[in-house]
C-alpha atoms as a PDB file:
ATOM      1  CA  UNK A   1       0.215  -0.050  -0.124  1.00  0.00           C
ATOM      2  CA  UNK A   2       1.546   3.780  -0.686  1.00  0.00           C
ATOM      3  CA  UNK A   3       1.319   5.852   1.718  1.00  0.00           C
ATOM      4  CA  UNK A   4      -0.051   9.033   0.894  1.00  0.00           C
ATOM      5  CA  UNK A   5       0.557  10.733   4.387  1.00  0.00           C
ATOM      6  CA  UNK A   6       2.739   9.978   6.462  1.00  0.00           C
ATOM      7  CA  UNK A   7       1.139  10.347  10.202  1.00  0.00           C
ATOM      8  CA  UNK A   8       1.493   9.013  13.451  1.00  0.00           C
ATOM      9  CA  UNK A   9      -1.939   7.559  14.575  1.00  0.00           C
ATOM     10  CA  UNK A  10      -1.956   8.098  17.031  1.00  0.00           C
ATOM     11  CA  UNK A  11      -1.177  11.471  17.326  1.00  0.00           C
ATOM     12  CA  UNK A  12      -4.767  13.801  18.379  1.00  0.00           C
ATOM     13  CA  UNK A  13      -5.583  17.675  18.152  1.00  0.00           C
ATOM     14  CA  UNK A  14      -7.574  19.081  21.081  1.00  0.00           C
ATOM     15  CA  UNK A  15     -10.627  18.264  18.838  1.00  0.00           C
ATOM     16  CA  UNK A  16      -9.743  14.412  18.799  1.00  0.00           C
ATOM     17  CA  UNK A  17      -8.900  14.710  15.440  1.00  0.00           C
ATOM     18  CA  UNK A  18      -5.661  13.113  14.329  1.00  0.00           C
ATOM     19  CA  UNK A  19      -3.193  15.368  12.348  1.00  0.00           C
ATOM     20  CA  UNK A  20       0.111  15.488  10.052  1.00  0.00           C
ATOM     21  CA  UNK A  21       2.290  18.125   8.039  1.00  0.00           C
ATOM     22  CA  UNK A  22       1.595  18.891   4.587  1.00  0.00           C
ATOM     23  CA  UNK A  23       5.343  18.090   4.087  1.00  0.00           C
ATOM     24  CA  UNK A  24       4.984  14.627   5.035  1.00  0.00           C
ATOM     25  CA  UNK A  25       2.894  14.397   1.877  1.00  0.00           C
ATOM     26  CA  UNK A  26       3.865  12.665  -0.677  1.00  0.00           C
ATOM     27  CA  UNK A  27       1.835  14.497  -3.106  1.00  0.00           C
ATOM     28  CA  UNK A  28       0.949  17.614  -1.080  1.00  0.00           C
ATOM     29  CA  UNK A  29      -1.477  18.802  -3.942  1.00  0.00           C
ATOM     30  CA  UNK A  30      -4.235  16.388  -3.171  1.00  0.00           C
ATOM     31  CA  UNK A  31      -4.452  16.768   0.520  1.00  0.00           C
ATOM     32  CA  UNK A  32      -7.732  18.973   0.978  1.00  0.00           C
ATOM     33  CA  UNK A  33     -10.111  19.632   2.344  1.00  0.00           C
ATOM     34  CA  UNK A  34     -12.804  16.330   1.736  1.00  0.00           C
ATOM     35  CA  UNK A  35     -10.028  14.179   0.528  1.00  0.00           C
ATOM     36  CA  UNK A  36     -10.454  10.551   0.847  1.00  0.00           C
ATOM     37  CA  UNK A  37      -6.287   9.106   1.290  1.00  0.00           C
ATOM     38  CA  UNK A  38      -4.170   6.922   3.304  1.00  0.00           C
ATOM     39  CA  UNK A  39      -2.073   7.660   6.209  1.00  0.00           C
ATOM     40  CA  UNK A  40       0.141   6.281   8.797  1.00  0.00           C
ATOM     41  CA  UNK A  41       3.356   4.452   8.092  1.00  0.00           C
ATOM     42  CA  UNK A  42       3.856   0.814   6.265  1.00  0.00           C
ATOM     43  CA  UNK A  43       3.038  -1.298   8.841  1.00  0.00           C
ATOM     44  CA  UNK A  44       0.197   0.526  10.817  1.00  0.00           C
ATOM     45  CA  UNK A  45      -1.681   2.362   8.123  1.00  0.00           C
ATOM     46  CA  UNK A  46      -6.103   4.191   7.491  1.00  0.00           C
ATOM     47  CA  UNK A  47      -7.790   5.299   5.111  1.00  0.00           C
ATOM     48  CA  UNK A  48      -8.942   8.716   6.324  1.00  0.00           C
ATOM     49  CA  UNK A  49     -10.739  11.458   5.044  1.00  0.00           C
ATOM     50  CA  UNK A  50      -8.813  15.222   5.837  1.00  0.00           C
ATOM     51  CA  UNK A  51     -11.185  18.136   7.494  1.00  0.00           C
ATOM     52  CA  UNK A  52      -8.485  20.913   6.823  1.00  0.00           C
ATOM     53  CA  UNK A  53      -5.248  22.151   6.498  1.00  0.00           C
ATOM     54  CA  UNK A  54      -4.306  24.762   8.071  1.00  0.00           C
ATOM     55  CA  UNK A  55      -2.239  27.894   6.705  1.00  0.00           C
ATOM     56  CA  UNK A  56       0.817  26.635   8.989  1.00  0.00           C
ATOM     57  CA  UNK A  57       0.448  23.035   7.252  1.00  0.00           C
ATOM     58  CA  UNK A  58      -1.077  21.448   9.659  1.00  0.00           C
ATOM     59  CA  UNK A  59      -3.512  18.633   8.077  1.00  0.00           C
ATOM     60  CA  UNK A  60      -5.695  17.540  10.048  1.00  0.00           C
ATOM     61  CA  UNK A  61      -8.253  14.561   9.041  1.00  0.00           C
ATOM     62  CA  UNK A  62     -10.460  11.259  10.958  1.00  0.00           C
ATOM     63  CA  UNK A  63     -10.162   7.655  10.190  1.00  0.00           C
ATOM     64  CA  UNK A  64     -12.512   6.080   8.238  1.00  0.00           C
ATOM     65  CA  UNK A  65     -13.602   2.261   6.987  1.00  0.00           C
ATOM     66  CA  UNK A  66     -12.650   0.875   3.649  1.00  0.00           C
ATOM     67  CA  UNK A  67     -16.139   1.170   2.908  1.00  0.00           C
ATOM     68  CA  UNK A  68     -16.376   4.586   3.429  1.00  0.00           C
ATOM     69  CA  UNK A  69     -13.304   5.030   1.706  1.00  0.00           C
ATOM     70  CA  UNK A  70     -14.375   2.901  -1.200  1.00  0.00           C
ATOM     71  CA  UNK A  71     -17.735   4.742  -1.386  1.00  0.00           C
ATOM     72  CA  UNK A  72     -16.065   8.224  -1.451  1.00  0.00           C
ATOM     73  CA  UNK A  73     -13.222   7.016  -3.915  1.00  0.00           C
ATOM     74  CA  UNK A  74     -16.332   5.740  -6.453  1.00  0.00           C
ATOM     75  CA  UNK A  75     -18.388   8.472  -6.348  1.00  0.00           C
ATOM     76  CA  UNK A  76     -14.605  11.324  -7.066  1.00  0.00           C
ATOM     77  CA  UNK A  77     -14.224   8.874  -9.956  1.00  0.00           C
ATOM     78  CA  UNK A  78     -18.188   9.060 -11.528  1.00  0.00           C
ATOM     79  CA  UNK A  79     -17.897  12.910 -11.917  1.00  0.00           C
END
């Protein structure tokens, strides 16, 4: 699995969302609010939905199920 955003999936912000930084993204241009990507590390990763990207480059996201990710990706490909 290609990890699109290197992240510690145990790290949470004050709102309970996971977070990382935009500079840790393989393709920063696709990391924007609403995007469904993979995040984590080679041995422990998850599908995630990006909630927001702050002006300083902090990326806030929530982990989602494989079924939610598949549905989101199918909708994106249909448009």
